Amino acid sequence: DESCGKCTPCREGTKQLLKILTRITKGEGT
């Protein structure tokens, strides 16, 4: 939420990590 979005590694990396972690907490992870 606090990423300024200027650089791709942070902007996209935090987004994808959050997706994976959310998936795992829902029992949908691998």
Full PDB file with SEQRES, HELIX, SHEET, SSBOND, CRYST1, ORIGX, SCALE, CONECT and MASTER records, all heavy atoms in Angstrom:
SEQRES   1 A   30  ASP GLU SER CYS GLY LYS CYS THR PRO CYS ARG GLU GLY          
SEQRES   2 A   30  THR LYS GLN LEU LEU LYS ILE LEU THR ARG ILE THR LYS          
SEQRES   3 A   30  GLY GLU GLY THR                                              
HELIX    1 AA1 THR A    8  THR A   25  1                                  18    
CRYST1    1.000    1.000    1.000  90.00  90.00  90.00 P 1           1          
ORIGX1      1.000000  0.000000  0.000000        0.00000                         
ORIGX2      0.000000  1.000000  0.000000        0.00000                         
ORIGX3      0.000000  0.000000  1.000000        0.00000                         
SCALE1      1.000000  0.000000  0.000000        0.00000                         
SCALE2      0.000000  1.000000  0.000000        0.00000                         
SCALE3      0.000000  0.000000  1.000000        0.00000                         
ATOM      1  N   ASP A   1       0.822  -1.213   0.000  1.00  0.00           N  
ATOM      2  CA  ASP A   1       0.000   0.000   0.000  1.00  0.00           C  
ATOM      3  C   ASP A   1       0.855   1.262   0.000  1.00  0.00           C  
ATOM      4  O   ASP A   1       0.466   2.283  -0.573  1.00  0.00           O  
ATOM      5  CB  ASP A   1      -0.929   0.017   1.215  1.00  0.00           C  
ATOM      6  CG  ASP A   1      -2.029  -1.018   1.126  1.00  0.00           C  
ATOM      7  OD1 ASP A   1      -2.265  -1.525   0.005  1.00  0.00           O  
ATOM      8  OD2 ASP A   1      -2.654  -1.324   2.153  1.00  0.00           O  
ATOM      9  N   GLU A   2       2.020   1.198   0.660  1.00  0.00           N  
ATOM     10  CA  GLU A   2       2.856   2.389   0.802  1.00  0.00           C  
ATOM     11  C   GLU A   2       3.906   2.529  -0.295  1.00  0.00           C  
ATOM     12  O   GLU A   2       4.621   3.528  -0.331  1.00  0.00           O  
ATOM     13  CB  GLU A   2       3.550   2.375   2.170  1.00  0.00           C  
ATOM     14  CG  GLU A   2       2.592   2.541   3.344  1.00  0.00           C  
ATOM     15  CD  GLU A   2       1.906   3.898   3.361  1.00  0.00           C  
ATOM     16  OE1 GLU A   2       2.476   4.861   2.820  1.00  0.00           O  
ATOM     17  OE2 GLU A   2       0.797   4.001   3.921  1.00  0.00           O  
ATOM     18  N   SER A   3       4.025   1.546  -1.156  1.00  0.00           N  
ATOM     19  CA  SER A   3       4.974   1.652  -2.265  1.00  0.00           C  
ATOM     20  C   SER A   3       4.599   2.824  -3.157  1.00  0.00           C  
ATOM     21  O   SER A   3       3.427   2.992  -3.515  1.00  0.00           O  
ATOM     22  CB  SER A   3       4.991   0.358  -3.080  1.00  0.00           C  
ATOM     23  OG  SER A   3       5.772   0.512  -4.251  1.00  0.00           O  
ATOM     24  N   CYS A   4       5.579   3.624  -3.515  1.00  0.00           N  
ATOM     25  CA  CYS A   4       5.281   4.790  -4.364  1.00  0.00           C  
ATOM     26  C   CYS A   4       5.025   4.376  -5.806  1.00  0.00           C  
ATOM     27  O   CYS A   4       4.471   5.149  -6.589  1.00  0.00           O  
ATOM     28  CB  CYS A   4       6.417   5.801  -4.301  1.00  0.00           C  
ATOM     29  SG  CYS A   4       7.919   5.286  -5.177  1.00  0.00           S  
ATOM     30  N   GLY A   5       5.463   3.164  -6.187  1.00  0.00           N  
ATOM     31  CA  GLY A   5       5.201   2.661  -7.529  1.00  0.00           C  
ATOM     32  C   GLY A   5       6.184   3.100  -8.583  1.00  0.00           C  
ATOM     33  O   GLY A   5       6.012   2.788  -9.762  1.00  0.00           O  
ATOM     34  N   LYS A   6       7.238   3.805  -8.181  1.00  0.00           N  
ATOM     35  CA  LYS A   6       8.158   4.335  -9.175  1.00  0.00           C  
ATOM     36  C   LYS A   6       8.981   3.232  -9.837  1.00  0.00           C  
ATOM     37  O   LYS A   6       9.209   3.260 -11.043  1.00  0.00           O  
ATOM     38  CB  LYS A   6       9.091   5.366  -8.527  1.00  0.00           C  
ATOM     39  CG  LYS A   6      10.050   6.016  -9.519  1.00  0.00           C  
ATOM     40  CD  LYS A   6      10.864   7.110  -8.866  1.00  0.00           C  
ATOM     41  CE  LYS A   6      11.774   7.796  -9.880  1.00  0.00           C  
ATOM     42  NZ  LYS A   6      12.558   8.901  -9.287  1.00  0.00           N  
ATOM     43  N   CYS A   7       9.433   2.254  -9.049  1.00  0.00           N  
ATOM     44  CA  CYS A   7      10.275   1.211  -9.634  1.00  0.00           C  
ATOM     45  C   CYS A   7       9.513  -0.107  -9.725  1.00  0.00           C  
ATOM     46  O   CYS A   7       8.718  -0.458  -8.851  1.00  0.00           O  
ATOM     47  CB  CYS A   7      11.580   1.036  -8.852  1.00  0.00           C  
ATOM     48  SG  CYS A   7      11.422   0.223  -7.249  1.00  0.00           S  
ATOM     49  N   THR A   8       9.764  -0.854 -10.782  1.00  0.00           N  
ATOM     50  CA  THR A   8       9.041  -2.097 -11.053  1.00  0.00           C  
ATOM     51  C   THR A   8       9.274  -3.174  -9.999  1.00  0.00           C  
ATOM     52  O   THR A   8       8.314  -3.843  -9.592  1.00  0.00           O  
ATOM     53  CB  THR A   8       9.416  -2.625 -12.450  1.00  0.00           C  
ATOM     54  OG1 THR A   8       9.121  -1.630 -13.420  1.00  0.00           O  
ATOM     55  CG2 THR A   8       8.649  -3.897 -12.774  1.00  0.00           C  
ATOM     56  N   PRO A   9      10.506  -3.404  -9.526  1.00  0.00           N  
ATOM     57  CA  PRO A   9      10.702  -4.483  -8.549  1.00  0.00           C  
ATOM     58  C   PRO A   9       9.841  -4.329  -7.302  1.00  0.00           C  
ATOM     59  O   PRO A   9       9.266  -5.311  -6.822  1.00  0.00           O  
ATOM     60  CB  PRO A   9      12.197  -4.373  -8.215  1.00  0.00           C  
ATOM     61  CG  PRO A   9      12.809  -3.766  -9.419  1.00  0.00           C  
ATOM     62  CD  PRO A   9      11.798  -2.797  -9.923  1.00  0.00           C  
ATOM     63  N   CYS A  10       9.713  -3.120  -6.797  1.00  0.00           N  
ATOM     64  CA  CYS A  10       8.903  -2.895  -5.604  1.00  0.00           C  
ATOM     65  C   CYS A  10       7.420  -2.886  -5.946  1.00  0.00           C  
ATOM     66  O   CYS A  10       6.614  -3.547  -5.279  1.00  0.00           O  
ATOM     67  CB  CYS A  10       9.313  -1.585  -4.933  1.00  0.00           C  
ATOM     68  SG  CYS A  10       8.345  -1.178  -3.466  1.00  0.00           S  
ATOM     69  N   ARG A  11       7.043  -2.163  -6.966  1.00  0.00           N  
ATOM     70  CA  ARG A  11       5.627  -2.031  -7.334  1.00  0.00           C  
ATOM     71  C   ARG A  11       5.009  -3.387  -7.649  1.00  0.00           C  
ATOM     72  O   ARG A  11       3.967  -3.752  -7.107  1.00  0.00           O  
ATOM     73  CB  ARG A  11       5.488  -1.101  -8.541  1.00  0.00           C  
ATOM     74  CG  ARG A  11       4.044  -0.857  -8.964  1.00  0.00           C  
ATOM     75  CD  ARG A  11       3.969  -0.021 -10.228  1.00  0.00           C  
ATOM     76  NE  ARG A  11       4.498  -0.688 -11.401  1.00  0.00           N  
ATOM     77  CZ  ARG A  11       5.592  -0.325 -12.055  1.00  0.00           C  
ATOM     78  NH1 ARG A  11       6.273   0.734 -11.660  1.00  0.00           N  
ATOM     79  NH2 ARG A  11       6.020  -1.002 -13.115  1.00  0.00           N  
ATOM     80  N   GLU A  12       5.652  -4.145  -8.528  1.00  0.00           N  
ATOM     81  CA  GLU A  12       5.111  -5.439  -8.936  1.00  0.00           C  
ATOM     82  C   GLU A  12       5.475  -6.550  -7.953  1.00  0.00           C  
ATOM     83  O   GLU A  12       4.711  -7.489  -7.760  1.00  0.00           O  
ATOM     84  CB  GLU A  12       5.607  -5.799 -10.344  1.00  0.00           C  
ATOM     85  CG  GLU A  12       5.145  -4.822 -11.407  1.00  0.00           C  
ATOM     86  CD  GLU A  12       3.631  -4.742 -11.486  1.00  0.00           C  
ATOM     87  OE1 GLU A  12       2.955  -5.778 -11.343  1.00  0.00           O  
ATOM     88  OE2 GLU A  12       3.114  -3.624 -11.676  1.00  0.00           O  
ATOM     89  N   GLY A  13       6.658  -6.432  -7.344  1.00  0.00           N  
ATOM     90  CA  GLY A  13       7.089  -7.471  -6.417  1.00  0.00           C  
ATOM     91  C   GLY A  13       6.206  -7.561  -5.184  1.00  0.00           C  
ATOM     92  O   GLY A  13       5.785  -8.648  -4.775  1.00  0.00           O  
ATOM     93  N   THR A  14       5.892  -6.407  -4.581  1.00  0.00           N  
ATOM     94  CA  THR A  14       5.024  -6.432  -3.408  1.00  0.00           C  
ATOM     95  C   THR A  14       3.622  -6.924  -3.783  1.00  0.00           C  
ATOM     96  O   THR A  14       2.981  -7.640  -3.011  1.00  0.00           O  
ATOM     97  CB  THR A  14       4.925  -5.032  -2.772  1.00  0.00           C  
ATOM     98  OG1 THR A  14       4.505  -4.073  -3.760  1.00  0.00           O  
ATOM     99  CG2 THR A  14       6.249  -4.610  -2.169  1.00  0.00           C  
ATOM    100  N   LYS A  15       3.167  -6.556  -4.982  1.00  0.00           N  
ATOM    101  CA  LYS A  15       1.843  -6.985  -5.434  1.00  0.00           C  
ATOM    102  C   LYS A  15       1.780  -8.503  -5.565  1.00  0.00           C  
ATOM    103  O   LYS A  15       0.828  -9.153  -5.093  1.00  0.00           O  
ATOM    104  CB  LYS A  15       1.519  -6.319  -6.772  1.00  0.00           C  
ATOM    105  CG  LYS A  15       0.163  -6.691  -7.350  1.00  0.00           C  
ATOM    106  CD  LYS A  15      -0.057  -5.970  -8.678  1.00  0.00           C  
ATOM    107  CE  LYS A  15      -1.408  -6.338  -9.287  1.00  0.00           C  
ATOM    108  NZ  LYS A  15      -1.619  -5.617 -10.584  1.00  0.00           N  
ATOM    109  N   GLN A  16       2.789  -9.093  -6.188  1.00  0.00           N  
ATOM    110  CA  GLN A  16       2.781 -10.543  -6.406  1.00  0.00           C  
ATOM    111  C   GLN A  16       3.029 -11.310  -5.111  1.00  0.00           C  
ATOM    112  O   GLN A  16       2.393 -12.353  -4.874  1.00  0.00           O  
ATOM    113  CB  GLN A  16       3.834 -10.918  -7.460  1.00  0.00           C  
ATOM    114  CG  GLN A  16       3.572 -10.342  -8.849  1.00  0.00           C  
ATOM    115  CD  GLN A  16       2.190 -10.700  -9.369  1.00  0.00           C  
ATOM    116  OE1 GLN A  16       1.712 -11.817  -9.198  1.00  0.00           O  
ATOM    117  NE2 GLN A  16       1.531  -9.737 -10.021  1.00  0.00           N  
ATOM    118  N   LEU A  17       3.900 -10.811  -4.259  1.00  0.00           N  
ATOM    119  CA  LEU A  17       4.125 -11.463  -2.971  1.00  0.00           C  
ATOM    120  C   LEU A  17       2.848 -11.466  -2.140  1.00  0.00           C  
ATOM    121  O   LEU A  17       2.517 -12.471  -1.491  1.00  0.00           O  
ATOM    122  CB  LEU A  17       5.242 -10.751  -2.203  1.00  0.00           C  
ATOM    123  CG  LEU A  17       6.681 -11.117  -2.553  1.00  0.00           C  
ATOM    124  CD1 LEU A  17       7.649 -10.237  -1.757  1.00  0.00           C  
ATOM    125  CD2 LEU A  17       6.969 -12.584  -2.285  1.00  0.00           C  
ATOM    126  N   LEU A  18       2.142 -10.343  -2.140  1.00  0.00           N  
ATOM    127  CA  LEU A  18       0.897 -10.258  -1.382  1.00  0.00           C  
ATOM    128  C   LEU A  18      -0.139 -11.236  -1.931  1.00  0.00           C  
ATOM    129  O   LEU A  18      -0.868 -11.881  -1.161  1.00  0.00           O  
ATOM    130  CB  LEU A  18       0.357  -8.825  -1.425  1.00  0.00           C  
ATOM    131  CG  LEU A  18      -0.934  -8.565  -0.644  1.00  0.00           C  
ATOM    132  CD1 LEU A  18      -0.754  -8.927   0.833  1.00  0.00           C  
ATOM    133  CD2 LEU A  18      -1.351  -7.108  -0.785  1.00  0.00           C  
ATOM    134  N   LYS A  19      -0.211 -11.371  -3.246  1.00  0.00           N  
ATOM    135  CA  LYS A  19      -1.141 -12.323  -3.852  1.00  0.00           C  
ATOM    136  C   LYS A  19      -0.843 -13.744  -3.402  1.00  0.00           C  
ATOM    137  O   LYS A  19      -1.741 -14.522  -3.049  1.00  0.00           O  
ATOM    138  CB  LYS A  19      -1.064 -12.237  -5.380  1.00  0.00           C  
ATOM    139  CG  LYS A  19      -1.856 -11.097  -6.000  1.00  0.00           C  
ATOM    140  CD  LYS A  19      -1.820 -11.204  -7.516  1.00  0.00           C  
ATOM    141  CE  LYS A  19      -2.679 -10.117  -8.162  1.00  0.00           C  
ATOM    142  NZ  LYS A  19      -2.677 -10.248  -9.649  1.00  0.00           N  
ATOM    143  N   ILE A  20       0.436 -14.102  -3.404  1.00  0.00           N  
ATOM    144  CA  ILE A  20       0.826 -15.462  -3.026  1.00  0.00           C  
ATOM    145  C   ILE A  20       0.522 -15.713  -1.552  1.00  0.00           C  
ATOM    146  O   ILE A  20      -0.046 -16.751  -1.186  1.00  0.00           O  
ATOM    147  CB  ILE A  20       2.326 -15.685  -3.306  1.00  0.00           C  
ATOM    148  CG1 ILE A  20       2.596 -15.606  -4.807  1.00  0.00           C  
ATOM    149  CG2 ILE A  20       2.772 -17.043  -2.765  1.00  0.00           C  
ATOM    150  CD1 ILE A  20       4.068 -15.642  -5.177  1.00  0.00           C  
ATOM    151  N   LEU A  21       0.899 -14.765  -0.690  1.00  0.00           N  
ATOM    152  CA  LEU A  21       0.656 -14.932   0.744  1.00  0.00           C  
ATOM    153  C   LEU A  21      -0.839 -15.016   1.056  1.00  0.00           C  
ATOM    154  O   LEU A  21      -1.272 -15.811   1.900  1.00  0.00           O  
ATOM    155  CB  LEU A  21       1.299 -13.780   1.519  1.00  0.00           C  
ATOM    156  CG  LEU A  21       2.820 -13.828   1.629  1.00  0.00           C  
ATOM    157  CD1 LEU A  21       3.365 -12.489   2.110  1.00  0.00           C  
ATOM    158  CD2 LEU A  21       3.262 -14.938   2.573  1.00  0.00           C  
ATOM    159  N   THR A  22      -1.626 -14.201   0.377  1.00  0.00           N  
ATOM    160  CA  THR A  22      -3.077 -14.251   0.573  1.00  0.00           C  
ATOM    161  C   THR A  22      -3.632 -15.600   0.142  1.00  0.00           C  
ATOM    162  O   THR A  22      -4.492 -16.175   0.814  1.00  0.00           O  
ATOM    163  CB  THR A  22      -3.762 -13.115  -0.210  1.00  0.00           C  
ATOM    164  OG1 THR A  22      -3.237 -11.851   0.219  1.00  0.00           O  
ATOM    165  CG2 THR A  22      -5.261 -13.129   0.013  1.00  0.00           C  
ATOM    166  N   ARG A  23      -3.109 -16.099  -0.958  1.00  0.00           N  
ATOM    167  CA  ARG A  23      -3.536 -17.406  -1.449  1.00  0.00           C  
ATOM    168  C   ARG A  23      -3.203 -18.509  -0.432  1.00  0.00           C  
ATOM    169  O   ARG A  23      -4.019 -19.404  -0.182  1.00  0.00           O  
ATOM    170  CB  ARG A  23      -2.827 -17.680  -2.780  1.00  0.00           C  
ATOM    171  CG  ARG A  23      -3.600 -18.579  -3.711  1.00  0.00           C  
ATOM    172  CD  ARG A  23      -3.108 -18.490  -5.134  1.00  0.00           C  
ATOM    173  NE  ARG A  23      -1.695 -18.801  -5.265  1.00  0.00           N  
ATOM    174  CZ  ARG A  23      -0.834 -18.067  -5.950  1.00  0.00           C  
ATOM    175  NH1 ARG A  23      -1.225 -16.964  -6.528  1.00  0.00           N  
ATOM    176  NH2 ARG A  23       0.430 -18.424  -6.048  1.00  0.00           N  
ATOM    177  N   ILE A  24      -2.032 -18.420   0.159  1.00  0.00           N  
ATOM    178  CA  ILE A  24      -1.621 -19.433   1.132  1.00  0.00           C  
ATOM    179  C   ILE A  24      -2.500 -19.384   2.368  1.00  0.00           C  
ATOM    180  O   ILE A  24      -2.906 -20.425   2.904  1.00  0.00           O  
ATOM    181  CB  ILE A  24      -0.139 -19.238   1.508  1.00  0.00           C  
ATOM    182  CG1 ILE A  24       0.758 -19.551   0.304  1.00  0.00           C  
ATOM    183  CG2 ILE A  24       0.249 -20.132   2.690  1.00  0.00           C  
ATOM    184  CD1 ILE A  24       2.227 -19.250   0.538  1.00  0.00           C  
ATOM    185  N   THR A  25      -2.831 -18.184   2.841  1.00  0.00           N  
ATOM    186  CA  THR A  25      -3.676 -18.078   4.037  1.00  0.00           C  
ATOM    187  C   THR A  25      -5.103 -18.553   3.776  1.00  0.00           C  
ATOM    188  O   THR A  25      -5.846 -18.833   4.715  1.00  0.00           O  
ATOM    189  CB  THR A  25      -3.721 -16.629   4.563  1.00  0.00           C  
ATOM    190  OG1 THR A  25      -4.248 -15.765   3.542  1.00  0.00           O  
ATOM    191  CG2 THR A  25      -2.344 -16.152   4.981  1.00  0.00           C  
ATOM    192  N   LYS A  26      -5.477 -18.658   2.512  1.00  0.00           N  
ATOM    193  CA  LYS A  26      -6.810 -19.170   2.161  1.00  0.00           C  
ATOM    194  C   LYS A  26      -6.802 -20.669   1.876  1.00  0.00           C  
ATOM    195  O   LYS A  26      -7.832 -21.244   1.529  1.00  0.00           O  
ATOM    196  CB  LYS A  26      -7.345 -18.432   0.924  1.00  0.00           C  
ATOM    197  CG  LYS A  26      -7.709 -16.981   1.178  1.00  0.00           C  
ATOM    198  CD  LYS A  26      -8.258 -16.339  -0.090  1.00  0.00           C  
ATOM    199  CE  LYS A  26      -8.691 -14.907   0.163  1.00  0.00           C  
ATOM    200  NZ  LYS A  26      -9.224 -14.271  -1.070  1.00  0.00           N  
ATOM    201  N   GLY A  27      -5.615 -21.286   1.995  1.00  0.00           N  
ATOM    202  CA  GLY A  27      -5.523 -22.710   1.718  1.00  0.00           C  
ATOM    203  C   GLY A  27      -5.390 -23.033   0.258  1.00  0.00           C  
ATOM    204  O   GLY A  27      -5.605 -24.176  -0.162  1.00  0.00           O  
ATOM    205  N   GLU A  28      -5.029 -22.052  -0.564  1.00  0.00           N  
ATOM    206  CA  GLU A  28      -4.940 -22.248  -2.008  1.00  0.00           C  
ATOM    207  C   GLU A  28      -3.499 -22.246  -2.500  1.00  0.00           C  
ATOM    208  O   GLU A  28      -3.247 -22.261  -3.700  1.00  0.00           O  
ATOM    209  CB  GLU A  28      -5.729 -21.151  -2.725  1.00  0.00           C  
ATOM    210  CG  GLU A  28      -7.206 -21.109  -2.336  1.00  0.00           C  
ATOM    211  CD  GLU A  28      -7.902 -19.853  -2.829  1.00  0.00           C  
ATOM    212  OE1 GLU A  28      -7.219 -18.994  -3.448  1.00  0.00           O  
ATOM    213  OE2 GLU A  28      -9.115 -19.708  -2.596  1.00  0.00           O  
ATOM    214  N   GLY A  29      -2.553 -22.220  -1.581  1.00  0.00           N  
ATOM    215  CA  GLY A  29      -1.146 -22.154  -1.957  1.00  0.00           C  
ATOM    216  C   GLY A  29      -0.567 -23.517  -2.278  1.00  0.00           C  
ATOM    217  O   GLY A  29      -1.139 -24.557  -1.950  1.00  0.00           O  
ATOM    218  N   THR A  30       0.598 -23.511  -2.941  1.00  0.00           N  
ATOM    219  CA  THR A  30       1.303 -24.742  -3.284  1.00  0.00           C  
ATOM    220  C   THR A  30       2.740 -24.639  -2.792  1.00  0.00           C  
ATOM    221  O   THR A  30       3.230 -23.549  -2.468  1.00  0.00           O  
ATOM    222  CB  THR A  30       1.306 -24.978  -4.801  1.00  0.00           C  
ATOM    223  OG1 THR A  30       2.061 -23.922  -5.436  1.00  0.00           O  
ATOM    224  CG2 THR A  30      -0.112 -24.983  -5.353  1.00  0.00           C  
TER     225      THR A  30                                                      
MASTER        0    0    0    1    0    0    0    6  224    1    0    3          
END                                                                             
